Amino acid sequence: MNFSEDLRQNAPATERNRQPILEVLKRVLPPTGTVLEVASGTGQHAVFFAPRLSPRRWLPSDPQPLLQQSIKAWQTHYPSDNLYPPLGLDVEANPWSVEGNNLPLELSEFPITAIVAINLIHISPWSACEGLMAGSDRILKTGGILYLYGPYKIGGKHTAPSNASFDEYLRTSNPKWGVRNLDDVVELAKGYHLELVETVPMPANNFSVVFRRC
């Protein structure tokens, strides 16, 4: 079966940003437990990160059935013992599908110690960012990590003309979308017991933003 005949979707940006993101994740993630990836998209990040972050376990999720199929298809081509099948998870829901008494998979034995959201909060309404913070507050124990990746405004200003253009494009596509001001994200996180640990400049005018549950 060739690429065009299977269910894998392809996001070219993933191939470009995965290695820089991996270097940060290796450094900031807790050494054990399960990493929950929110809004996994195509699944390309999941199949790349999971084997390289062992013995941690990687749990991808996405609310869209077509993307869940893409994640499964990528897993078929690049299986990994520590990579779980994708879950359907709506970041704005309360509770999330990984909460409650009926824990999926082996989460009771390998609890979620980190949550990763790559290119989520600017391609979604602000309520998704609020849902992400609220879910992280509910799920993560003290010391747990929330990792965000994407473009941000710093001090209310874009860091590059390309980001300003991208922001305009996003807001034209959906008025509720847009490049977020990092100060607003940090302030929101504080209300959910998440403290900013560090902000790491990344290629293509993006940032890794690392929070710790306090």
N, C-alpha and C. Protein backbone atom coordinates (compact mmCIF):
# COMPACT_ATOMS: atom_id res chain seq x y z
N MET A 1 0.85 -1.20 0.00
CA MET A 1 0.00 0.00 0.00
C MET A 1 0.89 1.24 0.00
N ASN A 2 0.66 2.16 -0.93
CA ASN A 2 1.47 3.37 -0.94
C ASN A 2 0.82 4.44 -0.07
N PHE A 3 1.57 5.54 0.13
CA PHE A 3 1.14 6.57 1.07
C PHE A 3 -0.23 7.13 0.73
N SER A 4 -0.51 7.32 -0.57
CA SER A 4 -1.77 7.93 -0.97
C SER A 4 -2.97 7.01 -0.74
N GLU A 5 -2.73 5.70 -0.55
CA GLU A 5 -3.81 4.75 -0.40
C GLU A 5 -4.16 4.46 1.05
N ASP A 6 -3.30 4.85 1.98
CA ASP A 6 -3.62 4.56 3.37
C ASP A 6 -4.25 5.79 4.03
N LEU A 7 -4.47 5.70 5.34
CA LEU A 7 -5.22 6.73 6.05
C LEU A 7 -4.32 7.77 6.71
N ARG A 8 -3.02 7.67 6.50
CA ARG A 8 -2.11 8.64 7.10
C ARG A 8 -2.28 10.02 6.47
N GLN A 9 -2.47 11.02 7.32
CA GLN A 9 -2.43 12.40 6.85
C GLN A 9 -1.02 12.94 7.12
N ASN A 10 -0.63 13.93 6.35
CA ASN A 10 0.74 14.43 6.42
C ASN A 10 0.75 15.93 6.70
N ALA A 11 1.46 16.32 7.75
CA ALA A 11 1.66 17.74 8.09
C ALA A 11 3.15 18.03 7.94
N PRO A 12 3.57 18.70 6.86
CA PRO A 12 5.00 18.90 6.61
C PRO A 12 5.73 19.61 7.75
N ALA A 13 5.05 20.51 8.46
CA ALA A 13 5.71 21.23 9.56
C ALA A 13 6.20 20.28 10.63
N THR A 14 5.52 19.14 10.77
CA THR A 14 5.92 18.17 11.79
C THR A 14 7.34 17.67 11.56
N GLU A 15 7.67 17.43 10.31
CA GLU A 15 9.01 16.94 9.99
C GLU A 15 10.08 17.97 10.34
N ARG A 16 9.71 19.23 10.28
CA ARG A 16 10.69 20.29 10.54
C ARG A 16 10.87 20.58 12.03
N ASN A 17 9.79 20.47 12.80
CA ASN A 17 9.90 20.92 14.20
C ASN A 17 10.10 19.79 15.20
N ARG A 18 10.00 18.54 14.75
CA ARG A 18 9.98 17.44 15.71
C ARG A 18 11.30 17.28 16.46
N GLN A 19 12.43 17.44 15.80
CA GLN A 19 13.70 17.25 16.48
C GLN A 19 13.98 18.35 17.51
N PRO A 20 13.76 19.64 17.18
CA PRO A 20 13.93 20.67 18.22
C PRO A 20 12.99 20.49 19.40
N ILE A 21 11.75 20.08 19.14
CA ILE A 21 10.82 19.83 20.24
C ILE A 21 11.31 18.66 21.09
N LEU A 22 11.77 17.60 20.44
CA LEU A 22 12.25 16.44 21.17
C LEU A 22 13.37 16.80 22.13
N GLU A 23 14.29 17.67 21.70
CA GLU A 23 15.41 18.04 22.57
C GLU A 23 14.92 18.72 23.83
N VAL A 24 13.87 19.53 23.73
CA VAL A 24 13.32 20.18 24.92
C VAL A 24 12.59 19.15 25.79
N LEU A 25 11.79 18.30 25.16
CA LEU A 25 11.04 17.30 25.91
C LEU A 25 11.96 16.38 26.70
N LYS A 26 13.06 15.96 26.10
CA LYS A 26 14.00 15.09 26.80
C LYS A 26 14.48 15.74 28.10
N ARG A 27 14.59 17.03 28.09
CA ARG A 27 15.15 17.75 29.22
C ARG A 27 14.11 18.06 30.29
N VAL A 28 12.85 18.34 29.90
CA VAL A 28 11.88 18.86 30.86
C VAL A 28 10.85 17.85 31.34
N LEU A 29 10.64 16.76 30.60
CA LEU A 29 9.61 15.81 31.01
C LEU A 29 10.05 15.02 32.24
N PRO A 30 9.11 14.65 33.10
CA PRO A 30 9.43 13.72 34.18
C PRO A 30 9.97 12.43 33.59
N PRO A 31 10.83 11.71 34.31
CA PRO A 31 11.50 10.54 33.74
C PRO A 31 10.62 9.32 33.58
N THR A 32 9.46 9.30 34.22
CA THR A 32 8.58 8.13 34.15
C THR A 32 7.14 8.59 33.95
N GLY A 33 6.26 7.59 33.79
CA GLY A 33 4.84 7.89 33.65
C GLY A 33 4.40 8.00 32.21
N THR A 34 3.18 8.46 32.03
CA THR A 34 2.57 8.61 30.71
C THR A 34 2.50 10.08 30.32
N VAL A 35 2.86 10.35 29.07
CA VAL A 35 2.72 11.69 28.51
C VAL A 35 1.44 11.71 27.67
N LEU A 36 0.50 12.54 28.05
CA LEU A 36 -0.73 12.72 27.29
C LEU A 36 -0.54 13.83 26.27
N GLU A 37 -0.66 13.48 25.00
CA GLU A 37 -0.58 14.49 23.94
C GLU A 37 -2.00 14.90 23.56
N VAL A 38 -2.32 16.16 23.78
CA VAL A 38 -3.64 16.71 23.45
C VAL A 38 -3.60 17.26 22.03
N ALA A 39 -4.64 16.97 21.25
CA ALA A 39 -4.72 17.44 19.85
C ALA A 39 -3.50 16.95 19.06
N SER A 40 -3.38 15.63 18.97
CA SER A 40 -2.22 15.03 18.32
C SER A 40 -2.18 15.24 16.81
N GLY A 41 -3.31 15.58 16.21
CA GLY A 41 -3.31 15.84 14.78
C GLY A 41 -3.07 14.57 13.97
N THR A 42 -2.13 14.63 13.05
CA THR A 42 -1.90 13.52 12.14
C THR A 42 -1.35 12.27 12.81
N GLY A 43 -0.64 12.44 13.91
CA GLY A 43 0.01 11.32 14.59
C GLY A 43 1.50 11.24 14.32
N GLN A 44 2.03 12.12 13.49
CA GLN A 44 3.45 12.08 13.15
C GLN A 44 4.33 12.37 14.35
N HIS A 45 3.92 13.32 15.20
CA HIS A 45 4.70 13.59 16.39
C HIS A 45 4.70 12.38 17.31
N ALA A 46 3.56 11.74 17.48
CA ALA A 46 3.45 10.62 18.41
C ALA A 46 4.40 9.49 18.05
N VAL A 47 4.42 9.11 16.76
CA VAL A 47 5.27 7.97 16.37
C VAL A 47 6.75 8.33 16.41
N PHE A 48 7.06 9.62 16.33
CA PHE A 48 8.46 10.05 16.41
C PHE A 48 8.92 10.14 17.86
N PHE A 49 8.09 10.72 18.72
CA PHE A 49 8.49 10.97 20.10
C PHE A 49 8.50 9.69 20.95
N ALA A 50 7.50 8.85 20.79
CA ALA A 50 7.33 7.72 21.71
C ALA A 50 8.59 6.87 21.86
N PRO A 51 9.17 6.34 20.77
CA PRO A 51 10.33 5.47 20.97
C PRO A 51 11.56 6.20 21.49
N ARG A 52 11.61 7.50 21.26
CA ARG A 52 12.77 8.29 21.67
C ARG A 52 12.65 8.81 23.09
N LEU A 53 11.48 8.65 23.70
CA LEU A 53 11.26 9.11 25.07
C LEU A 53 11.00 7.96 26.05
N SER A 54 11.21 6.75 25.59
CA SER A 54 11.09 5.58 26.47
C SER A 54 12.09 5.73 27.64
N PRO A 55 11.71 5.30 28.86
CA PRO A 55 10.61 4.42 29.22
C PRO A 55 9.28 5.12 29.47
N ARG A 56 9.21 6.41 29.24
CA ARG A 56 7.92 7.07 29.34
C ARG A 56 6.96 6.44 28.32
N ARG A 57 5.68 6.53 28.62
CA ARG A 57 4.66 6.07 27.68
C ARG A 57 3.98 7.27 27.05
N TRP A 58 3.55 7.11 25.80
CA TRP A 58 2.98 8.24 25.05
C TRP A 58 1.54 7.90 24.68
N LEU A 59 0.62 8.80 25.07
CA LEU A 59 -0.80 8.60 24.81
C LEU A 59 -1.32 9.72 23.92
N PRO A 60 -1.50 9.47 22.62
CA PRO A 60 -2.03 10.51 21.73
C PRO A 60 -3.54 10.62 21.86
N SER A 61 -4.07 11.79 21.48
CA SER A 61 -5.52 11.99 21.51
C SER A 61 -5.90 13.06 20.50
N ASP A 62 -7.12 13.00 20.06
CA ASP A 62 -7.66 14.03 19.17
C ASP A 62 -9.18 13.89 19.15
N PRO A 63 -9.89 15.01 19.05
CA PRO A 63 -11.36 14.91 19.02
C PRO A 63 -11.92 14.49 17.67
N GLN A 64 -11.12 14.57 16.60
CA GLN A 64 -11.63 14.32 15.26
C GLN A 64 -11.40 12.86 14.85
N PRO A 65 -12.45 12.13 14.49
CA PRO A 65 -12.31 10.73 14.10
C PRO A 65 -11.34 10.52 12.94
N LEU A 66 -11.33 11.42 11.95
CA LEU A 66 -10.42 11.25 10.82
C LEU A 66 -8.96 11.33 11.26
N LEU A 67 -8.68 12.20 12.21
CA LEU A 67 -7.31 12.31 12.71
C LEU A 67 -6.97 11.13 13.60
N GLN A 68 -7.93 10.62 14.33
CA GLN A 68 -7.68 9.39 15.10
C GLN A 68 -7.31 8.24 14.16
N GLN A 69 -7.97 8.17 13.01
CA GLN A 69 -7.63 7.14 12.02
C GLN A 69 -6.22 7.35 11.48
N SER A 70 -5.86 8.62 11.27
CA SER A 70 -4.51 8.92 10.79
C SER A 70 -3.46 8.51 11.81
N ILE A 71 -3.72 8.79 13.09
CA ILE A 71 -2.79 8.40 14.15
C ILE A 71 -2.60 6.89 14.15
N LYS A 72 -3.71 6.15 14.07
CA LYS A 72 -3.63 4.69 14.05
C LYS A 72 -2.84 4.20 12.84
N ALA A 73 -3.04 4.85 11.69
CA ALA A 73 -2.34 4.44 10.48
C ALA A 73 -0.84 4.67 10.61
N TRP A 74 -0.44 5.80 11.19
CA TRP A 74 0.98 6.05 11.42
C TRP A 74 1.55 5.03 12.40
N GLN A 75 0.76 4.66 13.42
CA GLN A 75 1.23 3.67 14.39
C GLN A 75 1.43 2.30 13.73
N THR A 76 0.59 1.98 12.75
CA THR A 76 0.75 0.72 12.04
C THR A 76 2.09 0.67 11.31
N HIS A 77 2.48 1.80 10.74
CA HIS A 77 3.74 1.86 9.99
C HIS A 77 4.95 1.99 10.91
N TYR A 78 4.76 2.63 12.08
CA TYR A 78 5.87 2.85 13.01
C TYR A 78 5.44 2.46 14.42
N PRO A 79 5.29 1.17 14.66
CA PRO A 79 4.83 0.72 15.98
C PRO A 79 5.89 0.93 17.05
N SER A 80 5.43 1.13 18.28
CA SER A 80 6.33 1.29 19.41
C SER A 80 5.65 0.71 20.64
N ASP A 81 6.40 -0.04 21.44
CA ASP A 81 5.82 -0.71 22.60
C ASP A 81 5.25 0.26 23.62
N ASN A 82 5.76 1.47 23.66
CA ASN A 82 5.31 2.44 24.66
C ASN A 82 4.34 3.47 24.09
N LEU A 83 3.77 3.20 22.92
CA LEU A 83 2.83 4.11 22.27
C LEU A 83 1.44 3.51 22.31
N TYR A 84 0.50 4.22 22.97
CA TYR A 84 -0.86 3.75 23.09
C TYR A 84 -1.70 4.12 21.86
N PRO A 85 -2.79 3.42 21.62
CA PRO A 85 -3.75 3.85 20.59
C PRO A 85 -4.35 5.21 20.97
N PRO A 86 -4.79 5.97 19.98
CA PRO A 86 -5.31 7.31 20.27
C PRO A 86 -6.67 7.27 20.97
N LEU A 87 -6.89 8.27 21.79
CA LEU A 87 -8.17 8.48 22.44
C LEU A 87 -8.90 9.64 21.79
N GLY A 88 -10.22 9.61 21.84
CA GLY A 88 -11.00 10.78 21.50
C GLY A 88 -11.06 11.69 22.72
N LEU A 89 -10.53 12.89 22.62
CA LEU A 89 -10.49 13.79 23.77
C LEU A 89 -10.77 15.22 23.32
N ASP A 90 -11.80 15.80 23.90
CA ASP A 90 -12.16 17.20 23.65
C ASP A 90 -11.58 18.03 24.79
N VAL A 91 -10.65 18.91 24.46
CA VAL A 91 -9.93 19.66 25.50
C VAL A 91 -10.87 20.55 26.31
N GLU A 92 -12.02 20.94 25.73
CA GLU A 92 -12.96 21.79 26.45
C GLU A 92 -13.93 21.01 27.32
N ALA A 93 -13.89 19.69 27.25
CA ALA A 93 -14.80 18.87 28.04
C ALA A 93 -14.37 18.83 29.51
N ASN A 94 -15.32 18.55 30.36
CA ASN A 94 -15.05 18.34 31.78
C ASN A 94 -16.03 17.29 32.29
N PRO A 95 -15.51 16.10 32.62
CA PRO A 95 -14.10 15.70 32.66
C PRO A 95 -13.59 15.26 31.29
N TRP A 96 -12.28 15.11 31.18
CA TRP A 96 -11.67 14.52 29.99
C TRP A 96 -11.88 13.01 30.02
N SER A 97 -11.67 12.38 28.87
CA SER A 97 -11.87 10.93 28.76
C SER A 97 -10.81 10.12 29.51
N VAL A 98 -9.79 10.77 30.03
CA VAL A 98 -8.77 10.06 30.82
C VAL A 98 -9.00 10.24 32.32
N GLU A 99 -10.15 10.78 32.68
CA GLU A 99 -10.48 10.98 34.09
C GLU A 99 -11.57 10.02 34.54
N GLY A 100 -11.76 9.95 35.83
CA GLY A 100 -12.85 9.15 36.37
C GLY A 100 -12.41 7.76 36.79
N ASN A 101 -13.39 6.93 37.06
CA ASN A 101 -13.11 5.59 37.58
C ASN A 101 -12.70 4.61 36.50
N ASN A 102 -13.14 4.82 35.27
CA ASN A 102 -12.84 3.89 34.18
C ASN A 102 -11.62 4.38 33.41
N LEU A 103 -10.47 4.33 34.05
CA LEU A 103 -9.25 4.79 33.41
C LEU A 103 -8.91 3.90 32.22
N PRO A 104 -8.62 4.50 31.06
CA PRO A 104 -8.27 3.68 29.90
C PRO A 104 -6.86 3.11 30.01
N LEU A 105 -6.66 2.02 29.31
CA LEU A 105 -5.32 1.44 29.18
C LEU A 105 -4.72 1.11 30.56
N GLU A 106 -3.49 1.56 30.78
CA GLU A 106 -2.80 1.22 32.02
C GLU A 106 -2.49 2.48 32.84
N LEU A 107 -3.37 3.46 32.76
CA LEU A 107 -3.07 4.74 33.41
C LEU A 107 -3.05 4.64 34.92
N SER A 108 -3.71 3.64 35.47
CA SER A 108 -3.64 3.48 36.92
C SER A 108 -2.25 3.04 37.35
N GLU A 109 -1.58 2.30 36.46
CA GLU A 109 -0.22 1.83 36.77
C GLU A 109 0.84 2.83 36.30
N PHE A 110 0.56 3.48 35.19
CA PHE A 110 1.49 4.48 34.63
C PHE A 110 0.74 5.81 34.50
N PRO A 111 0.59 6.53 35.60
CA PRO A 111 -0.23 7.74 35.59
C PRO A 111 0.34 8.83 34.69
N ILE A 112 -0.52 9.74 34.30
CA ILE A 112 -0.11 10.87 33.47
C ILE A 112 0.73 11.82 34.30
N THR A 113 1.97 12.00 33.90
CA THR A 113 2.88 12.90 34.60
C THR A 113 3.18 14.16 33.79
N ALA A 114 2.73 14.18 32.53
CA ALA A 114 2.96 15.35 31.68
C ALA A 114 1.88 15.42 30.61
N ILE A 115 1.59 16.64 30.19
CA ILE A 115 0.63 16.89 29.12
C ILE A 115 1.33 17.77 28.08
N VAL A 116 1.21 17.39 26.82
CA VAL A 116 1.86 18.09 25.72
C VAL A 116 0.80 18.58 24.74
N ALA A 117 0.88 19.84 24.35
CA ALA A 117 -0.05 20.41 23.36
C ALA A 117 0.77 21.21 22.36
N ILE A 118 0.86 20.71 21.14
CA ILE A 118 1.67 21.32 20.09
C ILE A 118 0.75 21.99 19.07
N ASN A 119 0.96 23.27 18.85
CA ASN A 119 0.17 24.03 17.86
C ASN A 119 -1.33 23.88 18.09
N LEU A 120 -1.73 24.08 19.34
CA LEU A 120 -3.15 23.97 19.68
C LEU A 120 -3.81 25.31 19.91
N ILE A 121 -3.27 26.10 20.83
CA ILE A 121 -4.09 27.20 21.36
C ILE A 121 -4.26 28.37 20.39
N HIS A 122 -3.46 28.44 19.33
CA HIS A 122 -3.69 29.52 18.36
C HIS A 122 -4.64 29.09 17.25
N ILE A 123 -4.83 27.77 17.07
CA ILE A 123 -5.76 27.28 16.04
C ILE A 123 -6.99 26.73 16.75
N SER A 124 -7.49 27.48 17.70
CA SER A 124 -8.67 27.11 18.48
C SER A 124 -9.11 28.34 19.26
N PRO A 125 -10.33 28.36 19.75
CA PRO A 125 -10.78 29.52 20.55
C PRO A 125 -10.06 29.57 21.89
N TRP A 126 -10.11 30.71 22.53
CA TRP A 126 -9.48 30.88 23.84
C TRP A 126 -10.03 29.90 24.86
N SER A 127 -11.27 29.49 24.67
CA SER A 127 -11.87 28.52 25.58
C SER A 127 -11.13 27.19 25.57
N ALA A 128 -10.46 26.87 24.45
CA ALA A 128 -9.65 25.65 24.40
C ALA A 128 -8.43 25.78 25.31
N CYS A 129 -7.84 26.96 25.35
CA CYS A 129 -6.71 27.20 26.26
C CYS A 129 -7.18 27.09 27.70
N GLU A 130 -8.34 27.65 27.98
CA GLU A 130 -8.90 27.53 29.33
C GLU A 130 -9.16 26.07 29.69
N GLY A 131 -9.71 25.31 28.73
CA GLY A 131 -9.96 23.89 28.98
C GLY A 131 -8.68 23.11 29.20
N LEU A 132 -7.63 23.48 28.45
CA LEU A 132 -6.34 22.81 28.61
C LEU A 132 -5.77 23.05 30.00
N MET A 133 -5.85 24.27 30.47
CA MET A 133 -5.33 24.58 31.80
C MET A 133 -6.15 23.89 32.89
N ALA A 134 -7.47 23.90 32.72
CA ALA A 134 -8.33 23.28 33.72
C ALA A 134 -8.09 21.77 33.78
N GLY A 135 -7.97 21.13 32.61
CA GLY A 135 -7.71 19.70 32.59
C GLY A 135 -6.36 19.36 33.19
N SER A 136 -5.37 20.19 32.90
CA SER A 136 -4.03 19.96 33.46
C SER A 136 -4.05 20.08 34.97
N ASP A 137 -4.82 21.02 35.47
CA ASP A 137 -4.95 21.21 36.91
C ASP A 137 -5.59 19.99 37.56
N ARG A 138 -6.59 19.42 36.89
CA ARG A 138 -7.29 18.27 37.46
C ARG A 138 -6.44 17.00 37.42
N ILE A 139 -5.65 16.83 36.36
CA ILE A 139 -4.98 15.55 36.12
C ILE A 139 -3.57 15.50 36.71
N LEU A 140 -2.81 16.57 36.55
CA LEU A 140 -1.41 16.52 36.96
C LEU A 140 -1.26 16.61 38.47
N LYS A 141 -0.36 15.82 39.00
CA LYS A 141 0.01 15.94 40.40
C LYS A 141 1.10 17.00 40.54
N THR A 142 1.42 17.36 41.77
CA THR A 142 2.47 18.34 42.01
C THR A 142 3.77 17.90 41.31
N GLY A 143 4.36 18.81 40.56
CA GLY A 143 5.57 18.49 39.82
C GLY A 143 5.32 18.06 38.39
N GLY A 144 4.06 17.78 38.04
CA GLY A 144 3.74 17.41 36.67
C GLY A 144 4.00 18.56 35.70
N ILE A 145 4.23 18.23 34.44
CA ILE A 145 4.64 19.21 33.44
C ILE A 145 3.56 19.40 32.38
N LEU A 146 3.29 20.65 32.04
CA LEU A 146 2.49 21.00 30.88
C LEU A 146 3.41 21.70 29.89
N TYR A 147 3.50 21.13 28.68
CA TYR A 147 4.38 21.67 27.64
C TYR A 147 3.54 22.18 26.48
N LEU A 148 3.77 23.43 26.09
CA LEU A 148 3.09 24.04 24.95
C LEU A 148 4.12 24.43 23.90
N TYR A 149 3.73 24.31 22.64
CA TYR A 149 4.60 24.73 21.54
C TYR A 149 3.77 25.50 20.52
N GLY A 150 4.36 26.58 20.01
CA GLY A 150 3.70 27.35 18.97
C GLY A 150 4.20 28.78 18.96
N PRO A 151 3.59 29.63 18.13
CA PRO A 151 3.96 31.05 18.10
C PRO A 151 3.25 31.82 19.22
N TYR A 152 3.90 32.85 19.71
CA TYR A 152 3.32 33.70 20.75
C TYR A 152 3.71 35.14 20.52
N LYS A 153 2.85 36.03 20.97
CA LYS A 153 3.25 37.43 21.10
C LYS A 153 3.94 37.58 22.45
N ILE A 154 5.01 38.35 22.46
CA ILE A 154 5.76 38.62 23.69
C ILE A 154 5.56 40.09 24.05
N GLY A 155 5.06 40.32 25.25
CA GLY A 155 4.76 41.69 25.63
C GLY A 155 3.71 42.33 24.74
N GLY A 156 2.83 41.50 24.21
CA GLY A 156 1.76 41.99 23.35
C GLY A 156 2.17 42.26 21.92
N LYS A 157 3.42 41.94 21.57
CA LYS A 157 3.91 42.24 20.22
C LYS A 157 4.39 40.95 19.54
N HIS A 158 4.16 40.89 18.24
CA HIS A 158 4.64 39.75 17.47
C HIS A 158 6.17 39.75 17.43
N THR A 159 6.73 38.56 17.37
CA THR A 159 8.19 38.44 17.38
C THR A 159 8.78 38.45 15.97
N ALA A 160 7.92 38.40 14.95
CA ALA A 160 8.40 38.42 13.57
C ALA A 160 7.26 38.83 12.66
N PRO A 161 7.56 39.49 11.53
CA PRO A 161 6.50 39.85 10.57
C PRO A 161 5.70 38.64 10.09
N SER A 162 6.38 37.50 9.95
CA SER A 162 5.67 36.31 9.49
C SER A 162 4.60 35.87 10.49
N ASN A 163 4.87 36.07 11.79
CA ASN A 163 3.88 35.72 12.80
C ASN A 163 2.69 36.66 12.76
N ALA A 164 2.95 37.94 12.47
CA ALA A 164 1.86 38.91 12.34
C ALA A 164 0.96 38.53 11.17
N SER A 165 1.57 38.12 10.07
CA SER A 165 0.80 37.70 8.90
C SER A 165 0.01 36.43 9.20
N PHE A 166 0.65 35.52 9.91
CA PHE A 166 -0.02 34.28 10.29
C PHE A 166 -1.21 34.56 11.20
N ASP A 167 -1.03 35.48 12.14
CA ASP A 167 -2.10 35.86 13.05
C ASP A 167 -3.29 36.42 12.27
N GLU A 168 -3.00 37.28 11.31
CA GLU A 168 -4.07 37.86 10.48
C GLU A 168 -4.81 36.77 9.70
N TYR A 169 -4.03 35.83 9.17
CA TYR A 169 -4.63 34.72 8.43
C TYR A 169 -5.55 33.89 9.33
N LEU A 170 -5.07 33.59 10.55
CA LEU A 170 -5.87 32.81 11.48
C LEU A 170 -7.17 33.51 11.82
N ARG A 171 -7.09 34.79 12.12
CA ARG A 171 -8.28 35.54 12.53
C ARG A 171 -9.26 35.72 11.37
N THR A 172 -8.74 35.74 10.15
CA THR A 172 -9.62 35.79 8.99
C THR A 172 -10.34 34.45 8.81
N SER A 173 -9.62 33.36 9.09
CA SER A 173 -10.23 32.03 9.00
C SER A 173 -11.29 31.83 10.06
N ASN A 174 -11.00 32.31 11.28
CA ASN A 174 -11.93 32.18 12.39
C ASN A 174 -11.61 33.28 13.39
N PRO A 175 -12.55 34.21 13.63
CA PRO A 175 -12.26 35.34 14.55
C PRO A 175 -11.87 34.91 15.95
N LYS A 176 -12.18 33.67 16.33
CA LYS A 176 -11.84 33.20 17.68
C LYS A 176 -10.42 32.64 17.76
N TRP A 177 -9.76 32.48 16.62
CA TRP A 177 -8.40 31.97 16.58
C TRP A 177 -7.42 33.13 16.64
N GLY A 178 -6.13 32.81 16.76
CA GLY A 178 -5.11 33.85 16.70
C GLY A 178 -3.91 33.53 17.57
N VAL A 179 -2.77 34.12 17.22
CA VAL A 179 -1.56 33.98 18.01
C VAL A 179 -1.78 34.63 19.38
N ARG A 180 -1.54 33.90 20.42
CA ARG A 180 -1.85 34.38 21.78
C ARG A 180 -0.69 35.18 22.36
N ASN A 181 -1.07 36.09 23.25
CA ASN A 181 -0.08 36.84 24.01
C ASN A 181 0.40 35.95 25.17
N LEU A 182 1.70 35.71 25.23
CA LEU A 182 2.23 34.79 26.23
C LEU A 182 1.87 35.23 27.64
N ASP A 183 1.86 36.52 27.91
CA ASP A 183 1.52 37.00 29.25
C ASP A 183 0.12 36.56 29.65
N ASP A 184 -0.81 36.56 28.68
CA ASP A 184 -2.19 36.14 28.98
C ASP A 184 -2.24 34.65 29.31
N VAL A 185 -1.45 33.85 28.59
CA VAL A 185 -1.42 32.41 28.83
C VAL A 185 -0.84 32.12 30.21
N VAL A 186 0.24 32.81 30.53
CA VAL A 186 0.89 32.61 31.83
C VAL A 186 -0.05 33.01 32.97
N GLU A 187 -0.74 34.12 32.80
CA GLU A 187 -1.66 34.59 33.83
C GLU A 187 -2.82 33.61 34.01
N LEU A 188 -3.33 33.08 32.91
CA LEU A 188 -4.39 32.08 32.99
C LEU A 188 -3.90 30.84 33.73
N ALA A 189 -2.68 30.40 33.40
CA ALA A 189 -2.13 29.20 34.02
C ALA A 189 -2.02 29.34 35.54
N LYS A 190 -1.68 30.52 36.00
CA LYS A 190 -1.53 30.74 37.44
C LYS A 190 -2.82 30.39 38.18
N GLY A 191 -3.95 30.67 37.58
CA GLY A 191 -5.24 30.38 38.21
C GLY A 191 -5.54 28.89 38.29
N TYR A 192 -4.73 28.09 37.61
CA TYR A 192 -4.90 26.63 37.62
C TYR A 192 -3.67 25.93 38.20
N HIS A 193 -2.97 26.60 39.10
CA HIS A 193 -1.84 26.02 39.85
C HIS A 193 -0.71 25.57 38.93
N LEU A 194 -0.51 26.32 37.85
CA LEU A 194 0.56 26.02 36.90
C LEU A 194 1.51 27.20 36.84
N GLU A 195 2.77 26.96 37.22
CA GLU A 195 3.75 28.03 37.22
C GLU A 195 4.66 27.91 36.01
N LEU A 196 5.01 29.04 35.43
CA LEU A 196 5.91 29.05 34.29
C LEU A 196 7.32 28.67 34.74
N VAL A 197 7.89 27.66 34.08
CA VAL A 197 9.25 27.22 34.38
C VAL A 197 10.25 27.88 33.44
N GLU A 198 9.96 27.84 32.15
CA GLU A 198 10.85 28.46 31.19
C GLU A 198 10.16 28.64 29.84
N THR A 199 10.69 29.56 29.07
CA THR A 199 10.25 29.80 27.70
C THR A 199 11.48 29.65 26.81
N VAL A 200 11.40 28.75 25.84
CA VAL A 200 12.55 28.41 25.01
C VAL A 200 12.30 28.86 23.58
N PRO A 201 13.09 29.80 23.04
CA PRO A 201 12.94 30.16 21.63
C PRO A 201 13.23 28.96 20.74
N MET A 202 12.40 28.78 19.73
CA MET A 202 12.51 27.65 18.83
C MET A 202 12.62 28.14 17.39
N PRO A 203 12.98 27.26 16.46
CA PRO A 203 13.06 27.68 15.05
C PRO A 203 11.73 28.20 14.52
N ALA A 204 11.81 28.98 13.45
CA ALA A 204 10.62 29.51 12.75
C ALA A 204 9.75 30.37 13.66
N ASN A 205 10.39 31.10 14.60
CA ASN A 205 9.70 32.07 15.45
C ASN A 205 8.62 31.44 16.33
N ASN A 206 8.88 30.22 16.78
CA ASN A 206 8.00 29.54 17.73
C ASN A 206 8.67 29.50 19.10
N PHE A 207 7.91 29.03 20.09
CA PHE A 207 8.43 28.93 21.45
C PHE A 207 7.96 27.62 22.08
N SER A 208 8.81 27.04 22.91
CA SER A 208 8.42 26.01 23.85
C SER A 208 8.14 26.69 25.18
N VAL A 209 6.97 26.45 25.72
CA VAL A 209 6.57 27.07 26.99
C VAL A 209 6.30 25.94 27.99
N VAL A 210 7.02 25.95 29.08
CA VAL A 210 6.99 24.84 30.03
C VAL A 210 6.40 25.32 31.37
N PHE A 211 5.34 24.64 31.80
CA PHE A 211 4.71 24.92 33.09
C PHE A 211 4.87 23.71 34.00
N ARG A 212 4.89 23.98 35.30
CA ARG A 212 4.93 22.91 36.29
C ARG A 212 3.75 23.05 37.23
N ARG A 213 3.10 21.93 37.52
CA ARG A 213 1.97 21.93 38.47
C ARG A 213 2.52 22.11 39.86
N CYS A 214 2.01 23.13 40.56
CA CYS A 214 2.51 23.44 41.91
C CYS A 214 1.47 23.13 42.97
